[in-house]
Amino acid sequence: MSPTHSTESEVEASPKKPVPSPPRWRSSRWPTFAALAIAVIAAAVAIAAWFRAAPESASFTDQQTAQAKTNVCSAYTAVHQGVVRNTHLSDPNPKDAAGQLAIAANARLALLGGGAYLRDRVATQPATPADLAQAVNSLANTIEQLGVGYLAAANNTVLDPLRHDLDSQVAQINKLCG
């Protein structure tokens, strides 16, 4: 055999050189650095936002405050009248089940709808004086609780404290709106 010709068995027996793979580290490092840079920037923004001073509460002119008070007090007056009117109705024919049900439904609607309406009016009038806003929101919660109590046919031990709270809340708002 000649030294330039090799047989298949000799080729199979000789160790093969591994083919070098392309350098992967060069192509995959830049996304890592980009992600790291983005993370550092995001962390810096988050830290800056954390330590930034909280915005001061909005200040309103006397005219804006007066207008908000007028609007909220008008809403309160309308709801108060609707609640009183619809919770004190009586059916002239006590044997009329449909009439009694209609009267009860109107009372519940006045309570639940009135509470939601008052809360909405206060929310849309940010210049409302804080004491009035708190009192009206408290009243809204109470009349909604009464409405749900009536829907659930709650007994007087549940409803009487709410009625008592309602009386004191009405007196307080009457003073604030007076």
N, C-alpha and C. Protein backbone atom coordinates (compact mmCIF):
# COMPACT_ATOMS: atom_id res chain seq x y z
N MET A 1 0.81 -1.17 0.00
CA MET A 1 0.00 0.00 0.00
C MET A 1 0.86 1.24 0.00
N SER A 2 0.35 2.19 -0.66
CA SER A 2 1.13 3.42 -0.75
C SER A 2 0.76 4.34 0.39
N PRO A 3 1.67 5.16 0.80
CA PRO A 3 1.41 6.01 1.93
C PRO A 3 0.37 7.08 1.64
N THR A 4 0.11 7.39 0.38
CA THR A 4 -0.86 8.44 0.07
C THR A 4 -2.28 7.92 0.02
N HIS A 5 -2.40 6.64 -0.15
CA HIS A 5 -3.75 6.06 -0.19
C HIS A 5 -4.04 5.38 1.12
N SER A 6 -5.12 5.69 1.68
CA SER A 6 -5.50 5.04 2.92
C SER A 6 -6.77 4.24 2.70
N THR A 7 -6.90 3.24 3.43
CA THR A 7 -8.08 2.41 3.31
C THR A 7 -9.16 2.93 4.24
N GLU A 8 -10.32 2.43 4.05
CA GLU A 8 -11.46 2.87 4.87
C GLU A 8 -11.25 2.56 6.33
N SER A 9 -10.66 1.45 6.61
CA SER A 9 -10.45 1.08 8.00
C SER A 9 -9.46 2.00 8.66
N GLU A 10 -8.49 2.48 7.92
CA GLU A 10 -7.53 3.41 8.50
C GLU A 10 -8.18 4.77 8.78
N VAL A 11 -9.11 5.19 7.89
CA VAL A 11 -9.78 6.47 8.07
C VAL A 11 -10.69 6.42 9.27
N GLU A 12 -11.37 5.29 9.43
CA GLU A 12 -12.27 5.16 10.56
C GLU A 12 -11.50 5.09 11.87
N ALA A 13 -10.33 4.56 11.85
CA ALA A 13 -9.54 4.42 13.07
C ALA A 13 -8.88 5.72 13.48
N SER A 14 -8.62 6.60 12.57
CA SER A 14 -7.93 7.84 12.93
C SER A 14 -8.91 8.80 13.63
N PRO A 15 -8.44 9.47 14.63
CA PRO A 15 -9.32 10.39 15.36
C PRO A 15 -9.69 11.58 14.48
N LYS A 16 -10.96 11.98 14.57
CA LYS A 16 -11.43 13.13 13.78
C LYS A 16 -11.24 14.40 14.60
N LYS A 17 -10.91 15.45 13.90
CA LYS A 17 -10.78 16.74 14.55
C LYS A 17 -12.17 17.37 14.65
N PRO A 18 -12.50 17.88 15.80
CA PRO A 18 -13.81 18.54 15.90
C PRO A 18 -13.82 19.83 15.09
N VAL A 19 -14.94 20.06 14.46
CA VAL A 19 -15.10 21.29 13.67
C VAL A 19 -15.47 22.40 14.65
N PRO A 20 -14.73 23.50 14.62
CA PRO A 20 -15.03 24.57 15.57
C PRO A 20 -16.39 25.21 15.27
N SER A 21 -17.18 25.42 16.31
CA SER A 21 -18.48 26.06 16.13
C SER A 21 -18.28 27.57 16.14
N PRO A 22 -19.21 28.30 15.53
CA PRO A 22 -19.07 29.76 15.53
C PRO A 22 -19.21 30.28 16.96
N PRO A 23 -18.49 31.31 17.29
CA PRO A 23 -18.52 31.85 18.66
C PRO A 23 -19.91 32.40 18.99
N ARG A 24 -20.62 31.73 19.88
CA ARG A 24 -21.97 32.12 20.25
C ARG A 24 -21.96 33.28 21.22
N TRP A 25 -20.94 33.41 22.02
CA TRP A 25 -20.91 34.44 23.04
C TRP A 25 -20.92 35.84 22.44
N ARG A 26 -20.37 36.00 21.26
CA ARG A 26 -20.36 37.33 20.66
C ARG A 26 -21.76 37.75 20.24
N SER A 27 -22.53 36.84 19.71
CA SER A 27 -23.85 37.20 19.21
C SER A 27 -24.89 37.27 20.34
N SER A 28 -24.68 36.61 21.46
CA SER A 28 -25.69 36.61 22.50
C SER A 28 -25.38 37.57 23.65
N ARG A 29 -24.27 38.24 23.63
CA ARG A 29 -23.95 39.16 24.72
C ARG A 29 -24.68 40.48 24.60
N TRP A 30 -24.89 40.98 23.43
CA TRP A 30 -25.51 42.31 23.32
C TRP A 30 -26.95 42.32 23.84
N PRO A 31 -27.79 41.28 23.66
CA PRO A 31 -29.12 41.34 24.28
C PRO A 31 -29.03 41.34 25.81
N THR A 32 -28.04 40.66 26.33
CA THR A 32 -27.88 40.65 27.79
C THR A 32 -27.54 42.04 28.30
N PHE A 33 -26.62 42.70 27.62
CA PHE A 33 -26.25 44.06 28.03
C PHE A 33 -27.41 45.03 27.83
N ALA A 34 -28.17 44.86 26.76
CA ALA A 34 -29.32 45.73 26.51
C ALA A 34 -30.36 45.54 27.61
N ALA A 35 -30.62 44.29 27.98
CA ALA A 35 -31.59 44.01 29.05
C ALA A 35 -31.10 44.59 30.37
N LEU A 36 -29.83 44.47 30.64
CA LEU A 36 -29.26 45.01 31.86
C LEU A 36 -29.39 46.53 31.89
N ALA A 37 -29.12 47.17 30.76
CA ALA A 37 -29.23 48.63 30.69
C ALA A 37 -30.67 49.07 30.91
N ILE A 38 -31.62 48.37 30.31
CA ILE A 38 -33.04 48.71 30.49
C ILE A 38 -33.45 48.52 31.95
N ALA A 39 -32.97 47.45 32.57
CA ALA A 39 -33.30 47.19 33.97
C ALA A 39 -32.74 48.28 34.87
N VAL A 40 -31.53 48.73 34.60
CA VAL A 40 -30.92 49.79 35.42
C VAL A 40 -31.71 51.09 35.25
N ILE A 41 -32.10 51.40 34.02
CA ILE A 41 -32.88 52.62 33.78
C ILE A 41 -34.24 52.52 34.48
N ALA A 42 -34.90 51.37 34.37
CA ALA A 42 -36.21 51.19 35.02
C ALA A 42 -36.08 51.32 36.54
N ALA A 43 -35.03 50.75 37.09
CA ALA A 43 -34.82 50.85 38.54
C ALA A 43 -34.59 52.31 38.94
N ALA A 44 -33.83 53.04 38.15
CA ALA A 44 -33.58 54.45 38.47
C ALA A 44 -34.88 55.26 38.41
N VAL A 45 -35.71 55.01 37.41
CA VAL A 45 -36.98 55.72 37.30
C VAL A 45 -37.89 55.37 38.47
N ALA A 46 -37.93 54.09 38.85
CA ALA A 46 -38.76 53.66 39.98
C ALA A 46 -38.30 54.31 41.28
N ILE A 47 -37.02 54.37 41.49
CA ILE A 47 -36.49 54.99 42.71
C ILE A 47 -36.80 56.48 42.72
N ALA A 48 -36.65 57.13 41.58
CA ALA A 48 -36.95 58.56 41.51
C ALA A 48 -38.43 58.81 41.78
N ALA A 49 -39.30 57.96 41.24
CA ALA A 49 -40.74 58.12 41.48
C ALA A 49 -41.08 57.87 42.94
N TRP A 50 -40.40 56.94 43.56
CA TRP A 50 -40.67 56.61 44.97
C TRP A 50 -40.35 57.80 45.88
N PHE A 51 -39.25 58.47 45.61
CA PHE A 51 -38.81 59.55 46.48
C PHE A 51 -39.34 60.92 46.07
N ARG A 52 -39.98 60.99 44.92
CA ARG A 52 -40.52 62.27 44.48
C ARG A 52 -41.61 62.71 45.45
N ALA A 53 -41.67 63.96 45.71
CA ALA A 53 -42.64 64.47 46.67
C ALA A 53 -44.05 64.22 46.16
N ALA A 54 -44.92 63.86 47.07
CA ALA A 54 -46.33 63.63 46.71
C ALA A 54 -46.93 64.97 46.30
N PRO A 55 -47.81 64.93 45.30
CA PRO A 55 -48.41 66.19 44.89
C PRO A 55 -49.28 66.75 46.00
N GLU A 56 -49.24 68.03 46.12
CA GLU A 56 -50.03 68.69 47.15
C GLU A 56 -51.50 68.59 46.77
N SER A 57 -52.35 68.62 47.78
CA SER A 57 -53.77 68.55 47.50
C SER A 57 -54.17 69.78 46.69
N ALA A 58 -55.14 69.57 45.85
CA ALA A 58 -55.58 70.65 44.99
C ALA A 58 -56.19 71.76 45.83
N SER A 59 -55.94 72.94 45.42
CA SER A 59 -56.55 74.07 46.12
C SER A 59 -57.60 74.67 45.20
N PHE A 60 -58.68 75.09 45.80
CA PHE A 60 -59.80 75.62 45.04
C PHE A 60 -60.08 77.05 45.50
N THR A 61 -60.62 77.81 44.59
CA THR A 61 -61.00 79.17 44.94
C THR A 61 -62.24 79.13 45.82
N ASP A 62 -62.49 80.23 46.48
CA ASP A 62 -63.69 80.33 47.31
C ASP A 62 -64.95 80.15 46.46
N GLN A 63 -64.91 80.67 45.25
CA GLN A 63 -66.06 80.54 44.35
C GLN A 63 -66.29 79.08 43.97
N GLN A 64 -65.22 78.33 43.67
CA GLN A 64 -65.36 76.91 43.33
C GLN A 64 -65.91 76.12 44.51
N THR A 65 -65.42 76.42 45.70
CA THR A 65 -65.89 75.73 46.90
C THR A 65 -67.36 76.05 47.15
N ALA A 66 -67.74 77.30 47.01
CA ALA A 66 -69.14 77.69 47.21
C ALA A 66 -70.05 77.03 46.19
N GLN A 67 -69.60 76.96 44.94
CA GLN A 67 -70.41 76.33 43.89
C GLN A 67 -70.55 74.83 44.14
N ALA A 68 -69.48 74.19 44.55
CA ALA A 68 -69.54 72.76 44.85
C ALA A 68 -70.48 72.50 46.02
N LYS A 69 -70.40 73.34 47.05
CA LYS A 69 -71.30 73.20 48.20
C LYS A 69 -72.75 73.36 47.77
N THR A 70 -73.02 74.35 46.93
CA THR A 70 -74.38 74.56 46.44
C THR A 70 -74.87 73.35 45.67
N ASN A 71 -74.03 72.80 44.80
CA ASN A 71 -74.42 71.65 43.99
C ASN A 71 -74.68 70.41 44.86
N VAL A 72 -73.81 70.15 45.80
CA VAL A 72 -73.97 68.98 46.67
C VAL A 72 -75.18 69.16 47.58
N CYS A 73 -75.38 70.35 48.11
CA CYS A 73 -76.55 70.59 48.97
C CYS A 73 -77.86 70.49 48.17
N SER A 74 -77.85 70.92 46.93
CA SER A 74 -79.05 70.77 46.08
C SER A 74 -79.34 69.29 45.83
N ALA A 75 -78.30 68.52 45.57
CA ALA A 75 -78.48 67.08 45.37
C ALA A 75 -79.01 66.43 46.64
N TYR A 76 -78.46 66.82 47.79
CA TYR A 76 -78.94 66.29 49.07
C TYR A 76 -80.42 66.62 49.27
N THR A 77 -80.81 67.85 49.00
CA THR A 77 -82.20 68.26 49.19
C THR A 77 -83.14 67.43 48.32
N ALA A 78 -82.75 67.22 47.07
CA ALA A 78 -83.59 66.43 46.16
C ALA A 78 -83.71 64.99 46.64
N VAL A 79 -82.60 64.40 47.05
CA VAL A 79 -82.63 63.02 47.53
C VAL A 79 -83.42 62.93 48.83
N HIS A 80 -83.20 63.87 49.73
CA HIS A 80 -83.92 63.86 51.01
C HIS A 80 -85.42 63.91 50.77
N GLN A 81 -85.87 64.81 49.90
CA GLN A 81 -87.30 64.91 49.60
C GLN A 81 -87.83 63.61 48.98
N GLY A 82 -87.05 63.04 48.05
CA GLY A 82 -87.49 61.79 47.42
C GLY A 82 -87.56 60.64 48.39
N VAL A 83 -86.59 60.55 49.28
CA VAL A 83 -86.59 59.47 50.27
C VAL A 83 -87.76 59.65 51.24
N VAL A 84 -87.95 60.85 51.75
CA VAL A 84 -89.04 61.09 52.69
C VAL A 84 -90.38 60.79 52.02
N ARG A 85 -90.58 61.30 50.84
CA ARG A 85 -91.85 61.11 50.13
C ARG A 85 -92.12 59.61 49.90
N ASN A 86 -91.10 58.90 49.39
CA ASN A 86 -91.34 57.51 48.99
C ASN A 86 -91.27 56.50 50.13
N THR A 87 -90.69 56.87 51.26
CA THR A 87 -90.67 55.94 52.39
C THR A 87 -91.84 56.17 53.34
N HIS A 88 -92.62 57.20 53.10
CA HIS A 88 -93.76 57.48 53.96
C HIS A 88 -95.09 57.34 53.23
N LEU A 89 -95.08 56.76 52.07
CA LEU A 89 -96.33 56.54 51.34
C LEU A 89 -97.10 55.40 51.99
N SER A 90 -98.41 55.48 51.88
CA SER A 90 -99.24 54.37 52.34
C SER A 90 -100.30 54.11 51.27
N ASP A 91 -100.66 52.86 51.17
CA ASP A 91 -101.65 52.45 50.18
C ASP A 91 -103.05 52.67 50.76
N PRO A 92 -103.89 53.43 50.06
CA PRO A 92 -105.24 53.65 50.59
C PRO A 92 -106.06 52.36 50.67
N ASN A 93 -105.68 51.37 49.92
CA ASN A 93 -106.37 50.09 49.94
C ASN A 93 -105.41 49.03 50.49
N PRO A 94 -105.42 48.78 51.81
CA PRO A 94 -104.44 47.88 52.41
C PRO A 94 -104.55 46.44 51.92
N LYS A 95 -105.63 46.09 51.24
CA LYS A 95 -105.77 44.72 50.73
C LYS A 95 -105.20 44.58 49.33
N ASP A 96 -104.71 45.66 48.76
CA ASP A 96 -104.15 45.65 47.40
C ASP A 96 -102.67 45.28 47.48
N ALA A 97 -102.36 44.01 47.23
CA ALA A 97 -100.98 43.52 47.32
C ALA A 97 -100.08 44.19 46.29
N ALA A 98 -100.59 44.41 45.09
CA ALA A 98 -99.78 45.04 44.04
C ALA A 98 -99.45 46.49 44.42
N GLY A 99 -100.39 47.19 45.00
CA GLY A 99 -100.15 48.56 45.43
C GLY A 99 -99.12 48.63 46.54
N GLN A 100 -99.22 47.72 47.49
CA GLN A 100 -98.25 47.68 48.58
C GLN A 100 -96.84 47.36 48.05
N LEU A 101 -96.78 46.44 47.11
CA LEU A 101 -95.48 46.09 46.52
C LEU A 101 -94.90 47.28 45.75
N ALA A 102 -95.74 48.00 45.03
CA ALA A 102 -95.26 49.17 44.28
C ALA A 102 -94.73 50.25 45.23
N ILE A 103 -95.44 50.47 46.32
CA ILE A 103 -94.99 51.48 47.30
C ILE A 103 -93.66 51.05 47.91
N ALA A 104 -93.53 49.78 48.26
CA ALA A 104 -92.28 49.28 48.85
C ALA A 104 -91.14 49.38 47.83
N ALA A 105 -91.42 49.08 46.58
CA ALA A 105 -90.38 49.15 45.54
C ALA A 105 -89.90 50.59 45.36
N ASN A 106 -90.83 51.53 45.38
CA ASN A 106 -90.44 52.93 45.24
C ASN A 106 -89.60 53.40 46.41
N ALA A 107 -89.93 52.94 47.61
CA ALA A 107 -89.14 53.32 48.80
C ALA A 107 -87.72 52.78 48.67
N ARG A 108 -87.60 51.54 48.27
CA ARG A 108 -86.27 50.93 48.13
C ARG A 108 -85.47 51.60 47.02
N LEU A 109 -86.16 51.93 45.94
CA LEU A 109 -85.49 52.62 44.83
C LEU A 109 -85.01 54.00 45.27
N ALA A 110 -85.82 54.71 46.05
CA ALA A 110 -85.41 56.03 46.54
C ALA A 110 -84.18 55.91 47.42
N LEU A 111 -84.14 54.89 48.27
CA LEU A 111 -83.00 54.72 49.17
C LEU A 111 -81.74 54.31 48.40
N LEU A 112 -81.83 53.28 47.60
CA LEU A 112 -80.63 52.79 46.89
C LEU A 112 -80.17 53.78 45.82
N GLY A 113 -81.11 54.29 45.05
CA GLY A 113 -80.74 55.26 44.01
C GLY A 113 -80.28 56.58 44.59
N GLY A 114 -80.90 57.00 45.67
CA GLY A 114 -80.50 58.25 46.32
C GLY A 114 -79.09 58.18 46.87
N GLY A 115 -78.75 57.05 47.49
CA GLY A 115 -77.38 56.89 48.01
C GLY A 115 -76.34 56.94 46.91
N ALA A 116 -76.61 56.23 45.83
CA ALA A 116 -75.66 56.22 44.71
C ALA A 116 -75.56 57.61 44.08
N TYR A 117 -76.68 58.29 43.94
CA TYR A 117 -76.68 59.63 43.35
C TYR A 117 -75.88 60.61 44.21
N LEU A 118 -76.07 60.56 45.51
CA LEU A 118 -75.32 61.48 46.39
C LEU A 118 -73.82 61.22 46.31
N ARG A 119 -73.44 59.95 46.34
CA ARG A 119 -72.02 59.61 46.27
C ARG A 119 -71.42 60.11 44.94
N ASP A 120 -72.19 59.96 43.88
CA ASP A 120 -71.73 60.42 42.57
C ASP A 120 -71.60 61.94 42.53
N ARG A 121 -72.54 62.64 43.10
CA ARG A 121 -72.47 64.12 43.11
C ARG A 121 -71.24 64.60 43.88
N VAL A 122 -70.97 63.99 45.00
CA VAL A 122 -69.79 64.39 45.78
C VAL A 122 -68.52 64.10 44.98
N ALA A 123 -68.48 62.96 44.31
CA ALA A 123 -67.29 62.59 43.53
C ALA A 123 -67.06 63.55 42.36
N THR A 124 -68.12 64.10 41.80
CA THR A 124 -67.95 65.00 40.66
C THR A 124 -67.74 66.45 41.09
N GLN A 125 -67.74 66.70 42.39
CA GLN A 125 -67.53 68.05 42.92
C GLN A 125 -66.33 68.03 43.87
N PRO A 126 -65.11 67.98 43.34
CA PRO A 126 -63.93 67.85 44.21
C PRO A 126 -63.70 69.06 45.12
N ALA A 127 -64.32 70.18 44.82
CA ALA A 127 -64.13 71.37 45.66
C ALA A 127 -65.09 71.39 46.85
N THR A 128 -65.89 70.34 47.01
CA THR A 128 -66.81 70.28 48.14
C THR A 128 -66.03 70.32 49.45
N PRO A 129 -66.45 71.14 50.41
CA PRO A 129 -65.76 71.16 51.70
C PRO A 129 -65.72 69.74 52.29
N ALA A 130 -64.60 69.41 52.91
CA ALA A 130 -64.37 68.04 53.38
C ALA A 130 -65.42 67.58 54.38
N ASP A 131 -65.84 68.46 55.29
CA ASP A 131 -66.84 68.03 56.28
C ASP A 131 -68.18 67.72 55.63
N LEU A 132 -68.57 68.50 54.63
CA LEU A 132 -69.82 68.24 53.92
C LEU A 132 -69.71 66.97 53.09
N ALA A 133 -68.59 66.80 52.40
CA ALA A 133 -68.40 65.58 51.59
C ALA A 133 -68.47 64.33 52.45
N GLN A 134 -67.83 64.38 53.61
CA GLN A 134 -67.84 63.22 54.51
C GLN A 134 -69.25 62.96 55.03
N ALA A 135 -69.96 64.00 55.41
CA ALA A 135 -71.32 63.83 55.93
C ALA A 135 -72.27 63.29 54.87
N VAL A 136 -72.17 63.78 53.64
CA VAL A 136 -73.06 63.32 52.57
C VAL A 136 -72.72 61.88 52.19
N ASN A 137 -71.44 61.55 52.13
CA ASN A 137 -71.07 60.16 51.83
C ASN A 137 -71.54 59.21 52.93
N SER A 138 -71.47 59.65 54.17
CA SER A 138 -71.94 58.84 55.29
C SER A 138 -73.46 58.62 55.19
N LEU A 139 -74.19 59.67 54.86
CA LEU A 139 -75.63 59.56 54.66
C LEU A 139 -75.94 58.61 53.50
N ALA A 140 -75.19 58.73 52.43
CA ALA A 140 -75.39 57.85 51.27
C ALA A 140 -75.23 56.38 51.67
N ASN A 141 -74.21 56.10 52.45
CA ASN A 141 -74.01 54.72 52.92
C ASN A 141 -75.18 54.25 53.78
N THR A 142 -75.65 55.11 54.67
CA THR A 142 -76.74 54.73 55.57
C THR A 142 -78.03 54.45 54.80
N ILE A 143 -78.39 55.33 53.87
CA ILE A 143 -79.65 55.09 53.16
C ILE A 143 -79.55 53.87 52.24
N GLU A 144 -78.37 53.60 51.71
CA GLU A 144 -78.22 52.38 50.93
C GLU A 144 -78.34 51.14 51.82
N GLN A 145 -77.77 51.20 53.03
CA GLN A 145 -77.90 50.08 53.96
C GLN A 145 -79.35 49.87 54.35
N LEU A 146 -80.09 50.95 54.53
CA LEU A 146 -81.52 50.82 54.82
C LEU A 146 -82.24 50.16 53.64
N GLY A 147 -81.93 50.60 52.43
CA GLY A 147 -82.56 50.01 51.24
C GLY A 147 -82.30 48.52 51.14
N VAL A 148 -81.06 48.12 51.38
CA VAL A 148 -80.72 46.69 51.34
C VAL A 148 -81.41 45.97 52.50
N GLY A 149 -81.48 46.60 53.65
CA GLY A 149 -82.19 46.00 54.79
C GLY A 149 -83.66 45.77 54.47
N TYR A 150 -84.29 46.73 53.81
CA TYR A 150 -85.69 46.55 53.42
C TYR A 150 -85.83 45.44 52.38
N LEU A 151 -84.90 45.39 51.44
CA LEU A 151 -84.94 44.31 50.44
C LEU A 151 -84.80 42.94 51.09
N ALA A 152 -83.97 42.87 52.11
CA ALA A 152 -83.71 41.60 52.79
C ALA A 152 -84.74 41.31 53.88
N ALA A 153 -85.72 42.18 54.04
CA ALA A 153 -86.75 42.02 55.08
C ALA A 153 -86.12 41.91 56.47
N ALA A 154 -85.12 42.76 56.71
CA ALA A 154 -84.45 42.77 58.01
C ALA A 154 -85.43 43.22 59.09
N ASN A 155 -85.20 42.76 60.30
CA ASN A 155 -86.09 43.14 61.41
C ASN A 155 -85.66 44.49 61.98
N ASN A 156 -86.47 45.01 62.87
CA ASN A 156 -86.23 46.35 63.42
C ASN A 156 -84.96 46.44 64.25
N THR A 157 -84.46 45.34 64.78
CA THR A 157 -83.21 45.42 65.54
C THR A 157 -82.04 45.78 64.63
N VAL A 158 -82.17 45.46 63.35
CA VAL A 158 -81.14 45.83 62.37
C VAL A 158 -81.41 47.22 61.82
N LEU A 159 -82.68 47.53 61.57
CA LEU A 159 -83.02 48.78 60.89
C LEU A 159 -83.07 50.00 61.82
N ASP A 160 -83.45 49.81 63.07
CA ASP A 160 -83.57 50.95 63.99
C ASP A 160 -82.27 51.73 64.18
N PRO A 161 -81.13 51.06 64.38
CA PRO A 161 -79.88 51.84 64.51
C PRO A 161 -79.57 52.64 63.24
N LEU A 162 -79.90 52.07 62.09
CA LEU A 162 -79.67 52.81 60.84
C LEU A 162 -80.59 54.02 60.75
N ARG A 163 -81.82 53.86 61.16
CA ARG A 163 -82.77 54.99 61.16
C ARG A 163 -82.30 56.09 62.12
N HIS A 164 -81.77 55.67 63.27
CA HIS A 164 -81.24 56.65 64.25
C HIS A 164 -80.04 57.40 63.65
N ASP A 165 -79.13 56.64 63.00
CA ASP A 165 -77.98 57.28 62.33
C ASP A 165 -78.44 58.24 61.26
N LEU A 166 -79.46 57.85 60.52
CA LEU A 166 -79.99 58.68 59.45
C LEU A 166 -80.51 60.01 60.00
N ASP A 167 -81.22 59.95 61.11
CA ASP A 167 -81.75 61.19 61.71
C ASP A 167 -80.62 62.15 62.09
N SER A 168 -79.56 61.63 62.71
CA SER A 168 -78.45 62.51 63.11
C SER A 168 -77.68 63.01 61.90
N GLN A 169 -77.56 62.19 60.87
CA GLN A 169 -76.85 62.63 59.66
C GLN A 169 -77.63 63.72 58.94
N VAL A 170 -78.95 63.58 58.87
CA VAL A 170 -79.79 64.61 58.24
C VAL A 170 -79.64 65.93 59.00
N ALA A 171 -79.66 65.87 60.33
CA ALA A 171 -79.50 67.10 61.12
C ALA A 171 -78.15 67.75 60.85
N GLN A 172 -77.09 66.94 60.78
CA GLN A 172 -75.75 67.48 60.53
C GLN A 172 -75.68 68.15 59.15
N ILE A 173 -76.21 67.48 58.13
CA ILE A 173 -76.14 68.05 56.78
C ILE A 173 -77.02 69.30 56.68
N ASN A 174 -78.16 69.29 57.34
CA ASN A 174 -78.99 70.49 57.35
C ASN A 174 -78.24 71.69 57.92
N LYS A 175 -77.43 71.46 58.95
CA LYS A 175 -76.60 72.55 59.51
C LYS A 175 -75.54 72.99 58.50
N LEU A 176 -74.88 72.02 57.87
CA LEU A 176 -73.79 72.35 56.94
C LEU A 176 -74.32 73.05 55.68
N CYS A 177 -75.49 72.68 55.25
CA CYS A 177 -76.06 73.29 54.03
C CYS A 177 -76.88 74.52 54.33
N GLY A 178 -77.26 74.71 55.59
CA GLY A 178 -78.14 75.81 56.01
C GLY A 178 -77.65 77.12 55.63
